[in-house]
Amino acid sequence: MMMRNPEQTIGNLIDKANTTYMSYVNDDGYPLTKAMLAPREREGIRTFWFTTNTSSNKVKLYRENPKASIYFVDRRFFRGVNLVGTMEVLETAEAKERIWQPGDTMYYPEGVTDPDYCVLKFTALKGRYYSNFKSENFEISAE
């Protein structure tokens, strides 16, 4: 079942998904999962950029333990991809401006400099793709 072009196959699935399931590890070592909006930006299937609230529990937990996974699903065809890697919490003006969109004041009333607005940058190391009741692992190389 080897994918001929993992980056294209998985990239298409991700681009169609409007929800990202993001997982992180709590203080007791248990995984927690949260539904998030789609990534604001992605570079291949390695790097993903998300917006979130600096005050959120996941930001606190990612600062303590950057191990993370993100999952995308195509419900119609029952396909999915799980990517495992690390999450960085970025609060630089550059990172915040990079993915800011005009409607974001709905979530961050003070605008792009809102202290409760930050960026999550996920870097994938490997993944697992599910399709046709089979799954396959794949590595993600650093370009």
C-alpha atoms as a PDB file:
ATOM      1  CA  MET A   1       0.000   0.000   0.000  1.00  0.00           C
ATOM      2  CA  MET A   2       3.019   2.304  -0.156  1.00  0.00           C
ATOM      3  CA  MET A   3       2.066   5.858  -1.050  1.00  0.00           C
ATOM      4  CA  ARG A   4       3.707   6.959  -4.247  1.00  0.00           C
ATOM      5  CA  ASN A   5       3.959  10.563  -3.104  1.00  0.00           C
ATOM      6  CA  PRO A   6       3.378  10.921   0.660  1.00  0.00           C
ATOM      7  CA  GLU A   7       3.833  14.685   0.660  1.00  0.00           C
ATOM      8  CA  GLN A   8       1.158  15.159  -2.018  1.00  0.00           C
ATOM      9  CA  THR A   9      -1.274  12.512  -0.694  1.00  0.00           C
ATOM     10  CA  ILE A  10      -1.024  13.730   2.890  1.00  0.00           C
ATOM     11  CA  GLY A  11      -0.838  17.408   1.920  1.00  0.00           C
ATOM     12  CA  ASN A  12      -4.137  17.110   0.040  1.00  0.00           C
ATOM     13  CA  LEU A  13      -5.815  15.434   3.018  1.00  0.00           C
ATOM     14  CA  ILE A  14      -4.538  18.185   5.364  1.00  0.00           C
ATOM     15  CA  ASP A  15      -5.648  20.992   3.061  1.00  0.00           C
ATOM     16  CA  LYS A  16      -9.200  19.615   2.929  1.00  0.00           C
ATOM     17  CA  ALA A  17      -9.476  19.123   6.702  1.00  0.00           C
ATOM     18  CA  ASN A  18     -11.000  22.068   8.543  1.00  0.00           C
ATOM     19  CA  THR A  19     -10.108  20.693  11.963  1.00  0.00           C
ATOM     20  CA  THR A  20      -6.776  19.712  13.481  1.00  0.00           C
ATOM     21  CA  TYR A  21      -6.678  17.380  16.482  1.00  0.00           C
ATOM     22  CA  MET A  22      -3.711  18.465  18.573  1.00  0.00           C
ATOM     23  CA  SER A  23      -2.305  16.332  21.391  1.00  0.00           C
ATOM     24  CA  TYR A  24      -0.032  17.202  24.271  1.00  0.00           C
ATOM     25  CA  VAL A  25       1.058  15.631  27.547  1.00  0.00           C
ATOM     26  CA  ASN A  26      -0.281  16.820  30.904  1.00  0.00           C
ATOM     27  CA  ASP A  27       1.630  17.105  34.199  1.00  0.00           C
ATOM     28  CA  ASP A  28       0.704  13.497  35.078  1.00  0.00           C
ATOM     29  CA  GLY A  29       2.052  12.156  31.766  1.00  0.00           C
ATOM     30  CA  TYR A  30      -1.361  11.547  30.178  1.00  0.00           C
ATOM     31  CA  PRO A  31      -2.125  12.620  26.608  1.00  0.00           C
ATOM     32  CA  LEU A  32      -4.783  15.291  26.071  1.00  0.00           C
ATOM     33  CA  THR A  33      -6.326  16.092  22.681  1.00  0.00           C
ATOM     34  CA  LYS A  34      -8.007  19.282  21.566  1.00  0.00           C
ATOM     35  CA  ALA A  35      -9.798  20.142  18.331  1.00  0.00           C
ATOM     36  CA  MET A  36      -8.249  23.235  16.738  1.00  0.00           C
ATOM     37  CA  LEU A  37      -8.749  25.215  13.559  1.00  0.00           C
ATOM     38  CA  ALA A  38      -6.782  24.154  10.492  1.00  0.00           C
ATOM     39  CA  PRO A  39      -3.147  25.291  10.388  1.00  0.00           C
ATOM     40  CA  ARG A  40      -2.677  28.867   9.178  1.00  0.00           C
ATOM     41  CA  GLU A  41       0.298  27.808   7.163  1.00  0.00           C
ATOM     42  CA  ARG A  42       2.220  24.665   6.366  1.00  0.00           C
ATOM     43  CA  GLU A  43       5.563  23.938   4.766  1.00  0.00           C
ATOM     44  CA  GLY A  44       5.201  20.541   3.138  1.00  0.00           C
ATOM     45  CA  ILE A  45       4.163  17.992   5.740  1.00  0.00           C
ATOM     46  CA  ARG A  46       6.940  18.963   8.146  1.00  0.00           C
ATOM     47  CA  THR A  47       6.152  22.421   9.573  1.00  0.00           C
ATOM     48  CA  PHE A  48       2.746  23.771  10.628  1.00  0.00           C
ATOM     49  CA  TRP A  49       1.753  27.131  12.107  1.00  0.00           C
ATOM     50  CA  PHE A  50      -1.276  27.629  14.371  1.00  0.00           C
ATOM     51  CA  THR A  51      -2.737  30.522  16.372  1.00  0.00           C
ATOM     52  CA  THR A  52      -3.792  30.099  19.980  1.00  0.00           C
ATOM     53  CA  ASN A  53      -4.268  31.863  23.300  1.00  0.00           C
ATOM     54  CA  THR A  54      -1.076  32.339  25.301  1.00  0.00           C
ATOM     55  CA  SER A  55      -3.127  31.752  28.480  1.00  0.00           C
ATOM     56  CA  SER A  56      -4.324  28.307  27.311  1.00  0.00           C
ATOM     57  CA  ASN A  57      -3.488  25.119  29.170  1.00  0.00           C
ATOM     58  CA  LYS A  58      -1.809  23.563  26.123  1.00  0.00           C
ATOM     59  CA  VAL A  59       0.652  26.473  25.848  1.00  0.00           C
ATOM     60  CA  LYS A  60       1.673  25.954  29.471  1.00  0.00           C
ATOM     61  CA  LEU A  61       2.062  22.206  28.872  1.00  0.00           C
ATOM     62  CA  TYR A  62       3.970  22.590  25.562  1.00  0.00           C
ATOM     63  CA  ARG A  63       6.443  24.881  27.334  1.00  0.00           C
ATOM     64  CA  GLU A  64       7.059  22.101  29.881  1.00  0.00           C
ATOM     65  CA  ASN A  65       7.053  19.238  27.364  1.00  0.00           C
ATOM     66  CA  PRO A  66       7.259  20.027  23.630  1.00  0.00           C
ATOM     67  CA  LYS A  67       6.337  16.480  22.539  1.00  0.00           C
ATOM     68  CA  ALA A  68       3.214  16.716  20.400  1.00  0.00           C
ATOM     69  CA  SER A  69       1.138  15.092  17.719  1.00  0.00           C
ATOM     70  CA  ILE A  70      -1.385  16.439  15.256  1.00  0.00           C
ATOM     71  CA  TYR A  71      -4.051  14.437  13.471  1.00  0.00           C
ATOM     72  CA  PHE A  72      -6.097  15.213  10.372  1.00  0.00           C
ATOM     73  CA  VAL A  73      -9.051  13.158   9.170  1.00  0.00           C
ATOM     74  CA  ASP A  74     -10.982  12.861   5.928  1.00  0.00           C
ATOM     75  CA  ARG A  75     -14.306  11.603   7.295  1.00  0.00           C
ATOM     76  CA  ARG A  76     -15.837  10.999   3.884  1.00  0.00           C
ATOM     77  CA  PHE A  77     -13.229   8.447   2.822  1.00  0.00           C
ATOM     78  CA  PHE A  78     -12.216   7.377   6.355  1.00  0.00           C
ATOM     79  CA  ARG A  79      -8.584   8.373   5.870  1.00  0.00           C
ATOM     80  CA  GLY A  80      -6.341  10.043   8.378  1.00  0.00           C
ATOM     81  CA  VAL A  81      -2.800  11.050   9.133  1.00  0.00           C
ATOM     82  CA  ASN A  82      -1.069  11.342  12.477  1.00  0.00           C
ATOM     83  CA  LEU A  83       2.121  13.398  12.653  1.00  0.00           C
ATOM     84  CA  VAL A  84       4.447  13.180  15.647  1.00  0.00           C
ATOM     85  CA  GLY A  85       6.995  15.830  16.535  1.00  0.00           C
ATOM     86  CA  THR A  86       7.618  18.889  18.661  1.00  0.00           C
ATOM     87  CA  MET A  87       5.670  22.083  19.322  1.00  0.00           C
ATOM     88  CA  GLU A  88       7.301  25.460  19.875  1.00  0.00           C
ATOM     89  CA  VAL A  89       5.454  28.359  21.487  1.00  0.00           C
ATOM     90  CA  LEU A  90       6.433  31.550  19.639  1.00  0.00           C
ATOM     91  CA  GLU A  91       5.678  35.050  20.855  1.00  0.00           C
ATOM     92  CA  THR A  92       7.954  37.080  18.594  1.00  0.00           C
ATOM     93  CA  ALA A  93       6.461  39.928  16.562  1.00  0.00           C
ATOM     94  CA  GLU A  94       7.743  38.184  13.414  1.00  0.00           C
ATOM     95  CA  ALA A  95       5.944  34.910  14.170  1.00  0.00           C
ATOM     96  CA  LYS A  96       2.732  36.676  15.241  1.00  0.00           C
ATOM     97  CA  GLU A  97       2.633  38.912  12.153  1.00  0.00           C
ATOM     98  CA  ARG A  98       3.434  36.001   9.855  1.00  0.00           C
ATOM     99  CA  ILE A  99       0.084  34.223  10.338  1.00  0.00           C
ATOM    100  CA  TRP A 100      -2.146  37.072  11.555  1.00  0.00           C
ATOM    101  CA  GLN A 101      -5.401  37.520   9.620  1.00  0.00           C
ATOM    102  CA  PRO A 102      -7.793  40.507   9.704  1.00  0.00           C
ATOM    103  CA  GLY A 103     -10.630  38.642  11.500  1.00  0.00           C
ATOM    104  CA  ASP A 104      -8.327  37.535  14.327  1.00  0.00           C
ATOM    105  CA  THR A 105      -9.389  40.449  16.537  1.00  0.00           C
ATOM    106  CA  MET A 106     -12.469  38.297  17.258  1.00  0.00           C
ATOM    107  CA  TYR A 107     -10.159  36.046  19.316  1.00  0.00           C
ATOM    108  CA  TYR A 108      -7.437  38.577  20.172  1.00  0.00           C
ATOM    109  CA  PRO A 109      -9.141  41.959  20.704  1.00  0.00           C
ATOM    110  CA  GLU A 110      -5.867  43.870  21.156  1.00  0.00           C
ATOM    111  CA  GLY A 111      -4.698  42.895  17.678  1.00  0.00           C
ATOM    112  CA  VAL A 112      -1.433  41.341  16.550  1.00  0.00           C
ATOM    113  CA  THR A 113       0.387  42.558  19.693  1.00  0.00           C
ATOM    114  CA  ASP A 114      -2.257  41.090  22.052  1.00  0.00           C
ATOM    115  CA  PRO A 115      -0.329  39.359  24.865  1.00  0.00           C
ATOM    116  CA  ASP A 116      -2.913  36.544  24.818  1.00  0.00           C
ATOM    117  CA  TYR A 117      -2.098  35.770  21.149  1.00  0.00           C
ATOM    118  CA  CYS A 118       0.760  33.418  20.346  1.00  0.00           C
ATOM    119  CA  VAL A 119       1.875  31.059  17.616  1.00  0.00           C
ATOM    120  CA  LEU A 120       2.332  27.301  17.844  1.00  0.00           C
ATOM    121  CA  LYS A 121       4.907  25.963  15.401  1.00  0.00           C
ATOM    122  CA  PHE A 122       4.780  22.193  14.984  1.00  0.00           C
ATOM    123  CA  THR A 123       7.688  20.320  13.406  1.00  0.00           C
ATOM    124  CA  ALA A 124       6.920  16.742  12.369  1.00  0.00           C
ATOM    125  CA  LEU A 125       9.499  13.962  12.637  1.00  0.00           C
ATOM    126  CA  LYS A 126       7.414  11.041  11.421  1.00  0.00           C
ATOM    127  CA  GLY A 127       3.875  10.001  10.742  1.00  0.00           C
ATOM    128  CA  ARG A 128       1.369   7.276  10.191  1.00  0.00           C
ATOM    129  CA  TYR A 129      -1.173   7.315   7.372  1.00  0.00           C
ATOM    130  CA  TYR A 130      -4.459   5.392   7.529  1.00  0.00           C
ATOM    131  CA  SER A 131      -6.436   4.499   4.399  1.00  0.00           C
ATOM    132  CA  ASN A 132      -8.500   1.542   3.157  1.00  0.00           C
ATOM    133  CA  PHE A 133      -8.310  -0.116   6.611  1.00  0.00           C
ATOM    134  CA  LYS A 134      -4.506  -0.275   6.368  1.00  0.00           C
ATOM    135  CA  SER A 135      -1.840   1.969   7.792  1.00  0.00           C
ATOM    136  CA  GLU A 136       1.738   2.774   6.981  1.00  0.00           C
ATOM    137  CA  ASN A 137       4.485   4.604   8.827  1.00  0.00           C
ATOM    138  CA  PHE A 138       6.700   7.167   7.152  1.00  0.00           C
ATOM    139  CA  GLU A 139       9.643   9.347   8.131  1.00  0.00           C
ATOM    140  CA  ILE A 140       9.779  13.064   7.404  1.00  0.00           C
ATOM    141  CA  SER A 141      13.171  14.359   6.369  1.00  0.00           C
ATOM    142  CA  ALA A 142      14.465  17.805   7.191  1.00  0.00           C
ATOM    143  CA  GLU A 143      14.750  19.550   3.849  1.00  0.00           C
END
